[in-house]
Amino acid sequence: MKGFLKKNKFKIIAVILIILLSVFFIMEINRYSTIPEHIHSIDDKPSEQRSVIENITVLERSLQKDPNNVNIMIQLSDLYIKIDNKKLAKKTVAKVLEIDPSNKEAHERNEKIDK
């Protein structure tokens, strides 16, 4: 065992360093890939007091937490239509129709976008 450790001590140290660096990088990536709580101040305002862009941000965050929420997607598509972003509105409505092909509101939004 002593001979093995002596022969391979640099390899062992290198492996340990690689593992430690990997853990460090993973922890740092996780730390910076989440939005800090203090930034969520727009969530504290009622939707009527927020700008359209702030409402879009809040709804997009909500959709990240609940990706199949059709109601959020419909609201989001309305806001995209409001700011004349037909591409995102169409994409959002398409997601709704993927989840619920018979969704009446989504079909209405699709017609509104195509006009």
N, C-alpha and C. Protein backbone atom coordinates (compact mmCIF):
# COMPACT_ATOMS: atom_id res chain seq x y z
N MET A 1 0.82 -1.19 0.00
CA MET A 1 0.00 0.00 0.00
C MET A 1 0.87 1.26 0.00
N LYS A 2 1.96 1.24 0.84
CA LYS A 2 2.85 2.41 0.89
C LYS A 2 3.49 2.67 -0.46
N GLY A 3 3.85 1.60 -1.13
CA GLY A 3 4.48 1.73 -2.44
C GLY A 3 3.51 2.32 -3.45
N PHE A 4 2.29 1.90 -3.39
CA PHE A 4 1.25 2.42 -4.30
C PHE A 4 1.04 3.91 -4.07
N LEU A 5 0.94 4.30 -2.80
CA LEU A 5 0.73 5.71 -2.47
C LEU A 5 1.91 6.57 -2.92
N LYS A 6 3.12 6.06 -2.70
CA LYS A 6 4.31 6.80 -3.09
C LYS A 6 4.38 6.97 -4.61
N LYS A 7 4.07 5.88 -5.32
CA LYS A 7 4.12 5.89 -6.77
C LYS A 7 3.07 6.83 -7.39
N ASN A 8 1.91 6.87 -6.78
CA ASN A 8 0.77 7.57 -7.39
C ASN A 8 0.31 8.81 -6.62
N LYS A 9 1.18 9.36 -5.77
CA LYS A 9 0.73 10.47 -4.94
C LYS A 9 0.34 11.69 -5.78
N PHE A 10 1.03 11.96 -6.87
CA PHE A 10 0.67 13.11 -7.71
C PHE A 10 -0.66 12.87 -8.42
N LYS A 11 -0.89 11.64 -8.86
CA LYS A 11 -2.17 11.32 -9.50
C LYS A 11 -3.31 11.45 -8.49
N ILE A 12 -3.10 10.98 -7.29
CA ILE A 12 -4.13 11.05 -6.25
C ILE A 12 -4.44 12.51 -5.91
N ILE A 13 -3.39 13.30 -5.76
CA ILE A 13 -3.57 14.73 -5.47
C ILE A 13 -4.31 15.41 -6.63
N ALA A 14 -3.94 15.08 -7.86
CA ALA A 14 -4.59 15.67 -9.02
C ALA A 14 -6.08 15.31 -9.06
N VAL A 15 -6.41 14.06 -8.79
CA VAL A 15 -7.81 13.63 -8.79
C VAL A 15 -8.59 14.35 -7.69
N ILE A 16 -8.01 14.47 -6.52
CA ILE A 16 -8.68 15.17 -5.42
C ILE A 16 -8.91 16.63 -5.78
N LEU A 17 -7.91 17.28 -6.38
CA LEU A 17 -8.06 18.68 -6.80
C LEU A 17 -9.14 18.83 -7.86
N ILE A 18 -9.19 17.92 -8.80
CA ILE A 18 -10.22 17.97 -9.85
C ILE A 18 -11.60 17.82 -9.24
N ILE A 19 -11.75 16.90 -8.31
CA ILE A 19 -13.03 16.70 -7.64
C ILE A 19 -13.44 17.96 -6.88
N LEU A 20 -12.51 18.52 -6.13
CA LEU A 20 -12.81 19.74 -5.36
C LEU A 20 -13.17 20.91 -6.28
N LEU A 21 -12.44 21.09 -7.36
CA LEU A 21 -12.75 22.16 -8.31
C LEU A 21 -14.12 21.93 -8.96
N SER A 22 -14.42 20.70 -9.29
CA SER A 22 -15.72 20.38 -9.89
C SER A 22 -16.85 20.73 -8.94
N VAL A 23 -16.71 20.35 -7.69
CA VAL A 23 -17.73 20.66 -6.69
C VAL A 23 -17.88 22.17 -6.54
N PHE A 24 -16.75 22.88 -6.51
CA PHE A 24 -16.79 24.33 -6.39
C PHE A 24 -17.53 24.95 -7.58
N PHE A 25 -17.19 24.54 -8.81
CA PHE A 25 -17.84 25.10 -9.99
C PHE A 25 -19.32 24.79 -10.03
N ILE A 26 -19.70 23.60 -9.66
CA ILE A 26 -21.12 23.24 -9.64
C ILE A 26 -21.86 24.10 -8.63
N MET A 27 -21.28 24.30 -7.46
CA MET A 27 -21.92 25.13 -6.44
C MET A 27 -22.05 26.58 -6.92
N GLU A 28 -21.02 27.10 -7.56
CA GLU A 28 -21.06 28.48 -8.06
C GLU A 28 -22.08 28.64 -9.18
N ILE A 29 -22.14 27.68 -10.07
CA ILE A 29 -23.13 27.74 -11.16
C ILE A 29 -24.53 27.73 -10.57
N ASN A 30 -24.78 26.87 -9.61
CA ASN A 30 -26.10 26.81 -8.98
C ASN A 30 -26.43 28.11 -8.26
N ARG A 31 -25.44 28.70 -7.63
CA ARG A 31 -25.67 29.93 -6.89
C ARG A 31 -26.06 31.07 -7.82
N TYR A 32 -25.43 31.15 -8.97
CA TYR A 32 -25.69 32.26 -9.89
C TYR A 32 -26.80 31.97 -10.89
N SER A 33 -27.30 30.74 -10.94
CA SER A 33 -28.36 30.45 -11.89
C SER A 33 -29.75 30.64 -11.27
N THR A 34 -29.82 30.96 -10.01
CA THR A 34 -31.10 31.26 -9.38
C THR A 34 -31.19 32.76 -9.14
N ILE A 35 -32.40 33.25 -9.16
CA ILE A 35 -32.60 34.69 -8.97
C ILE A 35 -32.69 34.96 -7.48
N PRO A 36 -31.85 35.85 -6.96
CA PRO A 36 -31.90 36.16 -5.52
C PRO A 36 -33.27 36.71 -5.13
N GLU A 37 -33.69 36.42 -3.94
CA GLU A 37 -35.01 36.82 -3.47
C GLU A 37 -35.22 38.34 -3.47
N HIS A 38 -34.18 39.12 -3.19
CA HIS A 38 -34.36 40.57 -3.11
C HIS A 38 -34.68 41.20 -4.46
N ILE A 39 -34.48 40.47 -5.54
CA ILE A 39 -34.77 41.01 -6.87
C ILE A 39 -36.27 40.89 -7.18
N HIS A 40 -36.97 40.08 -6.46
CA HIS A 40 -38.38 39.83 -6.74
C HIS A 40 -39.29 40.96 -6.26
N SER A 41 -38.81 42.15 -6.13
CA SER A 41 -39.61 43.24 -5.60
C SER A 41 -40.81 43.57 -6.49
N ILE A 42 -40.72 43.32 -7.80
CA ILE A 42 -41.87 43.60 -8.65
C ILE A 42 -43.02 42.66 -8.34
N ASP A 43 -42.72 41.51 -7.76
CA ASP A 43 -43.77 40.57 -7.37
C ASP A 43 -44.64 41.14 -6.26
N ASP A 44 -44.09 42.07 -5.51
CA ASP A 44 -44.82 42.63 -4.38
C ASP A 44 -45.87 43.65 -4.82
N LYS A 45 -45.71 44.20 -6.01
CA LYS A 45 -46.68 45.19 -6.51
C LYS A 45 -47.91 44.48 -7.07
N PRO A 46 -49.06 45.11 -6.94
CA PRO A 46 -50.23 44.56 -7.62
C PRO A 46 -50.03 44.67 -9.14
N SER A 47 -50.61 43.76 -9.89
CA SER A 47 -50.37 43.73 -11.34
C SER A 47 -50.77 45.04 -12.03
N GLU A 48 -51.76 45.75 -11.48
CA GLU A 48 -52.19 47.01 -12.09
C GLU A 48 -51.11 48.09 -11.98
N GLN A 49 -50.23 47.97 -10.98
CA GLN A 49 -49.19 48.98 -10.77
C GLN A 49 -47.90 48.65 -11.50
N ARG A 50 -47.84 47.48 -12.09
CA ARG A 50 -46.64 47.08 -12.82
C ARG A 50 -46.77 47.46 -14.29
N SER A 51 -45.63 47.65 -14.93
CA SER A 51 -45.63 47.89 -16.37
C SER A 51 -45.92 46.56 -17.07
N VAL A 52 -46.19 46.63 -18.34
CA VAL A 52 -46.46 45.41 -19.12
C VAL A 52 -45.23 44.50 -19.07
N ILE A 53 -44.06 45.07 -19.20
CA ILE A 53 -42.82 44.28 -19.17
C ILE A 53 -42.64 43.61 -17.81
N GLU A 54 -42.94 44.33 -16.73
CA GLU A 54 -42.83 43.73 -15.40
C GLU A 54 -43.84 42.59 -15.25
N ASN A 55 -45.05 42.77 -15.76
CA ASN A 55 -46.04 41.69 -15.70
C ASN A 55 -45.59 40.48 -16.50
N ILE A 56 -44.97 40.73 -17.64
CA ILE A 56 -44.42 39.61 -18.43
C ILE A 56 -43.36 38.87 -17.63
N THR A 57 -42.48 39.62 -16.97
CA THR A 57 -41.42 39.00 -16.16
C THR A 57 -42.01 38.14 -15.05
N VAL A 58 -43.02 38.67 -14.37
CA VAL A 58 -43.65 37.92 -13.27
C VAL A 58 -44.31 36.65 -13.81
N LEU A 59 -45.02 36.76 -14.93
CA LEU A 59 -45.68 35.58 -15.50
C LEU A 59 -44.67 34.56 -16.02
N GLU A 60 -43.58 35.03 -16.60
CA GLU A 60 -42.54 34.09 -17.07
C GLU A 60 -41.92 33.34 -15.90
N ARG A 61 -41.71 34.02 -14.78
CA ARG A 61 -41.20 33.35 -13.58
C ARG A 61 -42.21 32.32 -13.08
N SER A 62 -43.47 32.71 -13.08
CA SER A 62 -44.51 31.78 -12.63
C SER A 62 -44.56 30.55 -13.53
N LEU A 63 -44.36 30.77 -14.81
CA LEU A 63 -44.38 29.67 -15.77
C LEU A 63 -43.18 28.74 -15.57
N GLN A 64 -42.07 29.30 -15.11
CA GLN A 64 -40.91 28.45 -14.81
C GLN A 64 -41.23 27.50 -13.66
N LYS A 65 -42.00 27.99 -12.71
CA LYS A 65 -42.36 27.15 -11.57
C LYS A 65 -43.44 26.14 -11.92
N ASP A 66 -44.32 26.51 -12.86
CA ASP A 66 -45.44 25.66 -13.25
C ASP A 66 -45.56 25.67 -14.77
N PRO A 67 -44.68 24.93 -15.47
CA PRO A 67 -44.55 25.04 -16.92
C PRO A 67 -45.78 24.63 -17.74
N ASN A 68 -46.72 23.93 -17.14
CA ASN A 68 -47.90 23.51 -17.90
C ASN A 68 -49.15 24.28 -17.51
N ASN A 69 -48.99 25.42 -16.88
CA ASN A 69 -50.13 26.22 -16.45
C ASN A 69 -50.67 27.01 -17.65
N VAL A 70 -51.77 26.52 -18.17
CA VAL A 70 -52.38 27.10 -19.36
C VAL A 70 -52.88 28.52 -19.10
N ASN A 71 -53.41 28.79 -17.92
CA ASN A 71 -53.91 30.13 -17.60
C ASN A 71 -52.80 31.17 -17.65
N ILE A 72 -51.64 30.82 -17.12
CA ILE A 72 -50.50 31.75 -17.16
C ILE A 72 -50.09 31.98 -18.61
N MET A 73 -50.07 30.92 -19.41
CA MET A 73 -49.68 31.06 -20.81
C MET A 73 -50.65 31.96 -21.57
N ILE A 74 -51.94 31.84 -21.30
CA ILE A 74 -52.94 32.69 -21.96
C ILE A 74 -52.70 34.16 -21.58
N GLN A 75 -52.49 34.42 -20.28
CA GLN A 75 -52.22 35.79 -19.83
C GLN A 75 -50.95 36.34 -20.49
N LEU A 76 -49.95 35.48 -20.56
CA LEU A 76 -48.67 35.87 -21.17
C LEU A 76 -48.86 36.18 -22.65
N SER A 77 -49.62 35.36 -23.34
CA SER A 77 -49.86 35.62 -24.77
C SER A 77 -50.58 36.95 -24.97
N ASP A 78 -51.53 37.27 -24.07
CA ASP A 78 -52.21 38.57 -24.15
C ASP A 78 -51.23 39.73 -24.03
N LEU A 79 -50.29 39.59 -23.10
CA LEU A 79 -49.30 40.65 -22.92
C LEU A 79 -48.35 40.75 -24.11
N TYR A 80 -47.98 39.60 -24.68
CA TYR A 80 -47.13 39.62 -25.87
C TYR A 80 -47.86 40.31 -27.03
N ILE A 81 -49.16 40.04 -27.15
CA ILE A 81 -49.96 40.71 -28.19
C ILE A 81 -49.98 42.21 -27.92
N LYS A 82 -50.12 42.57 -26.65
CA LYS A 82 -50.20 43.98 -26.26
C LYS A 82 -48.93 44.75 -26.65
N ILE A 83 -47.77 44.09 -26.52
CA ILE A 83 -46.51 44.77 -26.90
C ILE A 83 -46.12 44.48 -28.35
N ASP A 84 -47.05 43.86 -29.08
CA ASP A 84 -46.89 43.56 -30.50
C ASP A 84 -45.74 42.59 -30.78
N ASN A 85 -45.55 41.62 -29.89
CA ASN A 85 -44.56 40.58 -30.12
C ASN A 85 -45.33 39.33 -30.56
N LYS A 86 -45.69 39.32 -31.83
CA LYS A 86 -46.53 38.24 -32.37
C LYS A 86 -45.81 36.89 -32.34
N LYS A 87 -44.51 36.92 -32.51
CA LYS A 87 -43.74 35.67 -32.53
C LYS A 87 -43.86 34.94 -31.19
N LEU A 88 -43.61 35.66 -30.09
CA LEU A 88 -43.71 35.04 -28.76
C LEU A 88 -45.16 34.69 -28.42
N ALA A 89 -46.09 35.54 -28.84
CA ALA A 89 -47.51 35.27 -28.58
C ALA A 89 -47.91 33.97 -29.27
N LYS A 90 -47.52 33.82 -30.52
CA LYS A 90 -47.85 32.62 -31.29
C LYS A 90 -47.22 31.38 -30.66
N LYS A 91 -45.97 31.51 -30.26
CA LYS A 91 -45.25 30.39 -29.63
C LYS A 91 -45.94 29.96 -28.33
N THR A 92 -46.37 30.94 -27.54
CA THR A 92 -47.02 30.65 -26.26
C THR A 92 -48.38 29.99 -26.49
N VAL A 93 -49.13 30.50 -27.46
CA VAL A 93 -50.44 29.91 -27.78
C VAL A 93 -50.26 28.48 -28.31
N ALA A 94 -49.20 28.27 -29.09
CA ALA A 94 -48.93 26.92 -29.61
C ALA A 94 -48.68 25.94 -28.46
N LYS A 95 -47.98 26.40 -27.42
CA LYS A 95 -47.74 25.54 -26.25
C LYS A 95 -49.06 25.19 -25.56
N VAL A 96 -49.94 26.18 -25.47
CA VAL A 96 -51.26 25.94 -24.85
C VAL A 96 -51.99 24.87 -25.64
N LEU A 97 -51.98 25.01 -26.96
CA LEU A 97 -52.70 24.06 -27.82
C LEU A 97 -52.06 22.67 -27.81
N GLU A 98 -50.77 22.61 -27.54
CA GLU A 98 -50.10 21.30 -27.36
C GLU A 98 -50.67 20.60 -26.13
N ILE A 99 -50.82 21.37 -25.06
CA ILE A 99 -51.31 20.82 -23.79
C ILE A 99 -52.81 20.55 -23.86
N ASP A 100 -53.55 21.51 -24.43
CA ASP A 100 -55.01 21.42 -24.49
C ASP A 100 -55.49 21.84 -25.88
N PRO A 101 -55.53 20.90 -26.83
CA PRO A 101 -55.89 21.24 -28.21
C PRO A 101 -57.28 21.87 -28.38
N SER A 102 -58.15 21.68 -27.43
CA SER A 102 -59.50 22.23 -27.57
C SER A 102 -59.69 23.54 -26.78
N ASN A 103 -58.60 24.14 -26.34
CA ASN A 103 -58.69 25.35 -25.54
C ASN A 103 -59.24 26.51 -26.38
N LYS A 104 -60.44 26.95 -26.03
CA LYS A 104 -61.14 27.99 -26.78
C LYS A 104 -60.38 29.32 -26.77
N GLU A 105 -59.87 29.69 -25.59
CA GLU A 105 -59.13 30.96 -25.48
C GLU A 105 -57.89 30.97 -26.36
N ALA A 106 -57.20 29.85 -26.44
CA ALA A 106 -56.00 29.77 -27.26
C ALA A 106 -56.35 29.93 -28.74
N HIS A 107 -57.44 29.31 -29.16
CA HIS A 107 -57.87 29.46 -30.55
C HIS A 107 -58.25 30.91 -30.85
N GLU A 108 -58.90 31.57 -29.87
CA GLU A 108 -59.25 32.99 -30.04
C GLU A 108 -57.98 33.84 -30.18
N ARG A 109 -56.98 33.57 -29.34
CA ARG A 109 -55.72 34.32 -29.40
C ARG A 109 -55.03 34.10 -30.74
N ASN A 110 -55.06 32.87 -31.21
CA ASN A 110 -54.45 32.54 -32.51
C ASN A 110 -55.08 33.38 -33.62
N GLU A 111 -56.40 33.49 -33.62
CA GLU A 111 -57.10 34.29 -34.63
C GLU A 111 -56.73 35.77 -34.49
N LYS A 112 -56.63 36.22 -33.25
CA LYS A 112 -56.27 37.62 -32.99
C LYS A 112 -54.86 37.93 -33.50
N ILE A 113 -53.95 36.98 -33.31
CA ILE A 113 -52.55 37.17 -33.75
C ILE A 113 -52.46 37.20 -35.27
N ASP A 114 -53.24 36.34 -35.93
CA ASP A 114 -53.18 36.22 -37.39
C ASP A 114 -53.79 37.41 -38.12
N LYS A 115 -54.58 38.24 -37.42
CA LYS A 115 -55.22 39.40 -38.08
C LYS A 115 -54.22 40.47 -38.42
